C-alpha atoms as a PDB file:
ATOM      1  CA  MET A   1    -131.931 -13.057 -37.625  1.00  0.00           C
ATOM      2  CA  ASP A   2    -129.459 -14.901 -40.162  1.00  0.00           C
ATOM      3  CA  SER A   3    -129.873 -18.604 -41.367  1.00  0.00           C
ATOM      4  CA  VAL A   4    -129.482 -21.113 -38.576  1.00  0.00           C
ATOM      5  CA  ASP A   5    -127.684 -23.615 -41.223  1.00  0.00           C
ATOM      6  CA  SER A   6    -124.240 -21.742 -40.487  1.00  0.00           C
ATOM      7  CA  GLN A   7    -123.827 -23.684 -36.824  1.00  0.00           C
ATOM      8  CA  GLU A   8    -120.638 -21.922 -35.627  1.00  0.00           C
ATOM      9  CA  SER A   9    -122.649 -18.928 -35.914  1.00  0.00           C
ATOM     10  CA  LYS A  10    -125.449 -19.840 -33.331  1.00  0.00           C
ATOM     11  CA  ASN A  11    -124.988 -20.861 -29.822  1.00  0.00           C
ATOM     12  CA  TYR A  12    -127.172 -23.833 -29.274  1.00  0.00           C
ATOM     13  CA  VAL A  13    -128.479 -24.409 -25.926  1.00  0.00           C
ATOM     14  CA  GLY A  14    -127.531 -27.647 -24.330  1.00  0.00           C
ATOM     15  CA  PHE A  15    -128.973 -30.318 -22.300  1.00  0.00           C
ATOM     16  CA  TRP A  16    -128.249 -28.926 -18.768  1.00  0.00           C
ATOM     17  CA  ILE A  17    -129.372 -25.496 -19.282  1.00  0.00           C
ATOM     18  CA  ARG A  18    -132.872 -26.476 -20.527  1.00  0.00           C
ATOM     19  CA  VAL A  19    -132.795 -28.920 -17.684  1.00  0.00           C
ATOM     20  CA  ALA A  20    -132.601 -25.827 -15.422  1.00  0.00           C
ATOM     21  CA  ALA A  21    -135.084 -23.652 -17.546  1.00  0.00           C
ATOM     22  CA  SER A  22    -137.674 -26.637 -17.204  1.00  0.00           C
ATOM     23  CA  ILE A  23    -137.126 -26.690 -13.358  1.00  0.00           C
ATOM     24  CA  ILE A  24    -137.936 -22.798 -13.135  1.00  0.00           C
ATOM     25  CA  ASP A  25    -141.142 -23.308 -15.286  1.00  0.00           C
ATOM     26  CA  SER A  26    -142.123 -26.205 -13.283  1.00  0.00           C
ATOM     27  CA  ILE A  27    -141.577 -24.433  -9.996  1.00  0.00           C
ATOM     28  CA  LEU A  28    -143.405 -21.189 -11.501  1.00  0.00           C
ATOM     29  CA  LEU A  29    -146.482 -23.477 -12.602  1.00  0.00           C
ATOM     30  CA  LEU A  30    -146.801 -25.558  -9.213  1.00  0.00           C
ATOM     31  CA  VAL A  31    -146.419 -21.868  -6.982  1.00  0.00           C
ATOM     32  CA  ILE A  32    -149.816 -21.288  -9.344  1.00  0.00           C
ATOM     33  CA  ILE A  33    -151.347 -24.768  -9.249  1.00  0.00           C
ATOM     34  CA  ILE A  34    -150.994 -26.160  -6.000  1.00  0.00           C
ATOM     35  CA  PRO A  35    -152.618 -23.644  -4.077  1.00  0.00           C
ATOM     36  CA  VAL A  36    -155.894 -23.494  -6.433  1.00  0.00           C
ATOM     37  CA  LEU A  37    -156.216 -27.183  -6.372  1.00  0.00           C
ATOM     38  CA  THR A  38    -155.631 -27.452  -2.611  1.00  0.00           C
ATOM     39  CA  ALA A  39    -158.510 -24.530  -2.361  1.00  0.00           C
ATOM     40  CA  ILE A  40    -160.903 -26.419  -4.918  1.00  0.00           C
ATOM     41  CA  TYR A  41    -160.430 -29.996  -3.669  1.00  0.00           C
ATOM     42  CA  GLY A  42    -158.910 -29.780  -0.417  1.00  0.00           C
ATOM     43  CA  ASP A  43    -155.961 -31.337   1.426  1.00  0.00           C
ATOM     44  CA  GLU A  44    -157.347 -34.531   0.465  1.00  0.00           C
ATOM     45  CA  TYR A  45    -156.336 -34.250  -3.186  1.00  0.00           C
ATOM     46  CA  TRP A  46    -152.734 -34.915  -2.358  1.00  0.00           C
ATOM     47  CA  LEU A  47    -153.635 -38.026  -0.977  1.00  0.00           C
ATOM     48  CA  ASN A  48    -155.959 -39.540  -3.804  1.00  0.00           C
ATOM     49  CA  GLU A  49    -154.897 -42.505  -5.549  1.00  0.00           C
ATOM     50  CA  ALA A  50    -157.153 -41.667  -8.859  1.00  0.00           C
ATOM     51  CA  PHE A  51    -154.905 -40.427 -11.717  1.00  0.00           C
ATOM     52  CA  ILE A  52    -157.654 -37.778 -12.571  1.00  0.00           C
ATOM     53  CA  VAL A  53    -159.510 -36.358  -9.524  1.00  0.00           C
ATOM     54  CA  GLY A  54    -162.188 -34.114 -11.643  1.00  0.00           C
ATOM     55  CA  PHE A  55    -162.447 -31.438 -14.329  1.00  0.00           C
ATOM     56  CA  TRP A  56    -160.485 -28.542 -12.327  1.00  0.00           C
ATOM     57  CA  ASP A  57    -157.738 -31.326 -12.102  1.00  0.00           C
ATOM     58  CA  ILE A  58    -157.562 -31.599 -15.805  1.00  0.00           C
ATOM     59  CA  ILE A  59    -157.855 -27.859 -16.454  1.00  0.00           C
ATOM     60  CA  LEU A  60    -155.213 -26.773 -13.918  1.00  0.00           C
ATOM     61  CA  ASN A  61    -153.013 -29.952 -14.525  1.00  0.00           C
ATOM     62  CA  TYR A  62    -152.925 -30.154 -18.368  1.00  0.00           C
ATOM     63  CA  ILE A  63    -154.814 -27.709 -20.295  1.00  0.00           C
ATOM     64  CA  LEU A  64    -153.334 -24.599 -18.290  1.00  0.00           C
ATOM     65  CA  PRO A  65    -149.940 -25.205 -18.453  1.00  0.00           C
ATOM     66  CA  ALA A  66    -150.241 -26.176 -22.453  1.00  0.00           C
ATOM     67  CA  ILE A  67    -151.858 -22.713 -22.898  1.00  0.00           C
ATOM     68  CA  ALA A  68    -149.450 -20.843 -20.862  1.00  0.00           C
ATOM     69  CA  ILE A  69    -146.230 -22.161 -22.426  1.00  0.00           C
ATOM     70  CA  VAL A  70    -147.765 -21.763 -26.416  1.00  0.00           C
ATOM     71  CA  ILE A  71    -148.669 -18.307 -25.310  1.00  0.00           C
ATOM     72  CA  PHE A  72    -145.222 -17.358 -24.046  1.00  0.00           C
ATOM     73  CA  TRP A  73    -143.524 -19.205 -26.720  1.00  0.00           C
ATOM     74  CA  SER A  74    -145.556 -17.339 -29.184  1.00  0.00           C
ATOM     75  CA  TYR A  75    -145.016 -13.781 -27.584  1.00  0.00           C
ATOM     76  CA  LYS A  76    -141.470 -14.211 -26.192  1.00  0.00           C
ATOM     77  CA  SER A  77    -140.166 -17.171 -28.071  1.00  0.00           C
ATOM     78  CA  ALA A  78    -139.490 -18.446 -24.589  1.00  0.00           C
ATOM     79  CA  THR A  79    -140.827 -19.536 -21.104  1.00  0.00           C
ATOM     80  CA  PRO A  80    -139.716 -17.649 -17.970  1.00  0.00           C
ATOM     81  CA  GLY A  81    -137.136 -20.456 -17.695  1.00  0.00           C
ATOM     82  CA  LYS A  82    -135.625 -19.884 -20.778  1.00  0.00           C
ATOM     83  CA  MET A  83    -135.796 -16.073 -20.565  1.00  0.00           C
ATOM     84  CA  VAL A  84    -133.217 -16.465 -17.499  1.00  0.00           C
ATOM     85  CA  PHE A  85    -130.861 -17.995 -19.486  1.00  0.00           C
ATOM     86  CA  ARG A  86    -131.493 -15.708 -22.347  1.00  0.00           C
ATOM     87  CA  ALA A  87    -132.417 -18.699 -24.496  1.00  0.00           C
ATOM     88  CA  VAL A  88    -135.019 -18.326 -27.315  1.00  0.00           C
ATOM     89  CA  ILE A  89    -136.626 -21.017 -29.551  1.00  0.00           C
ATOM     90  CA  VAL A  90    -136.010 -20.035 -33.498  1.00  0.00           C
ATOM     91  CA  ASP A  91    -137.061 -21.542 -36.631  1.00  0.00           C
ATOM     92  CA  GLU A  92    -134.370 -24.102 -37.743  1.00  0.00           C
ATOM     93  CA  LYS A  93    -134.182 -23.221 -41.268  1.00  0.00           C
ATOM     94  CA  THR A  94    -134.431 -18.959 -41.072  1.00  0.00           C
ATOM     95  CA  GLY A  95    -133.551 -18.085 -37.247  1.00  0.00           C
ATOM     96  CA  GLY A  96    -136.830 -16.201 -37.219  1.00  0.00           C
ATOM     97  CA  LYS A  97    -139.860 -16.777 -34.598  1.00  0.00           C
ATOM     98  CA  PRO A  98    -141.501 -19.857 -35.422  1.00  0.00           C
ATOM     99  CA  SER A  99    -145.072 -20.085 -36.340  1.00  0.00           C
ATOM    100  CA  THR A 100    -147.695 -20.789 -33.921  1.00  0.00           C
ATOM    101  CA  LYS A 101    -148.213 -24.379 -35.740  1.00  0.00           C
ATOM    102  CA  GLN A 102    -144.447 -25.321 -35.049  1.00  0.00           C
ATOM    103  CA  PHE A 103    -145.095 -24.078 -31.108  1.00  0.00           C
ATOM    104  CA  ILE A 104    -147.887 -26.447 -31.025  1.00  0.00           C
ATOM    105  CA  ILE A 105    -146.154 -29.315 -32.742  1.00  0.00           C
ATOM    106  CA  ARG A 106    -143.222 -28.692 -30.412  1.00  0.00           C
ATOM    107  CA  TYR A 107    -145.504 -29.056 -27.342  1.00  0.00           C
ATOM    108  CA  LEU A 108    -146.959 -32.075 -28.659  1.00  0.00           C
ATOM    109  CA  GLY A 109    -143.471 -33.583 -29.454  1.00  0.00           C
ATOM    110  CA  TYR A 110    -142.760 -33.126 -25.577  1.00  0.00           C
ATOM    111  CA  TYR A 111    -145.032 -36.568 -25.161  1.00  0.00           C
ATOM    112  CA  VAL A 112    -143.504 -38.147 -28.006  1.00  0.00           C
ATOM    113  CA  SER A 113    -139.903 -37.246 -26.528  1.00  0.00           C
ATOM    114  CA  SER A 114    -141.013 -38.477 -23.396  1.00  0.00           C
ATOM    115  CA  ILE A 115    -142.354 -42.187 -24.577  1.00  0.00           C
ATOM    116  CA  ALA A 116    -139.315 -43.848 -24.815  1.00  0.00           C
ATOM    117  CA  LEU A 117    -137.769 -43.410 -21.096  1.00  0.00           C
ATOM    118  CA  GLY A 118    -137.108 -39.729 -22.262  1.00  0.00           C
ATOM    119  CA  LEU A 119    -134.850 -40.641 -24.915  1.00  0.00           C
ATOM    120  CA  GLY A 120    -136.102 -37.772 -27.315  1.00  0.00           C
ATOM    121  CA  LEU A 121    -135.433 -35.337 -24.162  1.00  0.00           C
ATOM    122  CA  PHE A 122    -131.684 -36.641 -23.718  1.00  0.00           C
ATOM    123  CA  TRP A 123    -131.293 -36.458 -27.184  1.00  0.00           C
ATOM    124  CA  VAL A 124    -130.529 -32.624 -26.761  1.00  0.00           C
ATOM    125  CA  GLY A 125    -127.404 -34.073 -25.157  1.00  0.00           C
ATOM    126  CA  TRP A 126    -125.804 -35.654 -28.238  1.00  0.00           C
ATOM    127  CA  ASP A 127    -127.526 -33.773 -31.435  1.00  0.00           C
ATOM    128  CA  LYS A 128    -125.224 -31.441 -33.050  1.00  0.00           C
ATOM    129  CA  LYS A 129    -127.501 -28.941 -33.017  1.00  0.00           C
ATOM    130  CA  LYS A 130    -128.790 -29.709 -29.257  1.00  0.00           C
ATOM    131  CA  GLN A 131    -132.445 -30.369 -30.764  1.00  0.00           C
ATOM    132  CA  GLY A 132    -134.738 -32.778 -28.853  1.00  0.00           C
ATOM    133  CA  TRP A 133    -137.011 -34.912 -30.934  1.00  0.00           C
ATOM    134  CA  HIS A 134    -139.839 -32.163 -30.258  1.00  0.00           C
ATOM    135  CA  ASP A 135    -137.311 -29.516 -31.952  1.00  0.00           C
ATOM    136  CA  LYS A 136    -136.874 -31.787 -34.694  1.00  0.00           C
ATOM    137  CA  MET A 137    -140.691 -32.515 -35.055  1.00  0.00           C
ATOM    138  CA  ALA A 138    -141.349 -28.700 -35.215  1.00  0.00           C
ATOM    139  CA  GLY A 139    -138.261 -27.702 -37.277  1.00  0.00           C
ATOM    140  CA  THR A 140    -137.125 -25.191 -34.329  1.00  0.00           C
ATOM    141  CA  VAL A 141    -133.749 -24.804 -32.230  1.00  0.00           C
ATOM    142  CA  VAL A 142    -133.166 -23.523 -28.985  1.00  0.00           C
ATOM    143  CA  ILE A 143    -130.172 -20.516 -29.138  1.00  0.00           C
ATOM    144  CA  ARG A 144    -128.897 -18.120 -26.677  1.00  0.00           C
ATOM    145  CA  LEU A 145    -129.075 -14.533 -27.468  1.00  0.00           C
ATOM    146  CA  PRO A 146    -125.841 -12.737 -27.147  1.00  0.00           C
ATOM    147  CA  LYS A 147    -125.425 -10.377 -24.016  1.00  0.00           C
END
């Protein structure tokens, strides 16, 4: 892949497509997680007011999604939602595949991006390279592959 420095040669993926991809990813995760949590904790789980109900709650709601997302990024440079739109995550400088370290920083950057009322996520809509704060932290951009 050529360098991403030449903006006009890259089709950066904007805010609304990335929102749609996130919704797809969230639905896929929920299809897996909801039945498992219900099987483990019963219907009472959904009425419980505790922030964390137990060990499996932490594993299924926090650890499993993080691992799944980083694995998809590492092998496909995209989650299933991004794949629907032919969007991939690439290194900002080289246009090549980011390192595992960049993917982990990018994932943790979602938390930073969300802190100030999601400003770091909305940043995608204003940035010239369509980068959220998590992308800036990791040195990545999201581009659409040609047909």
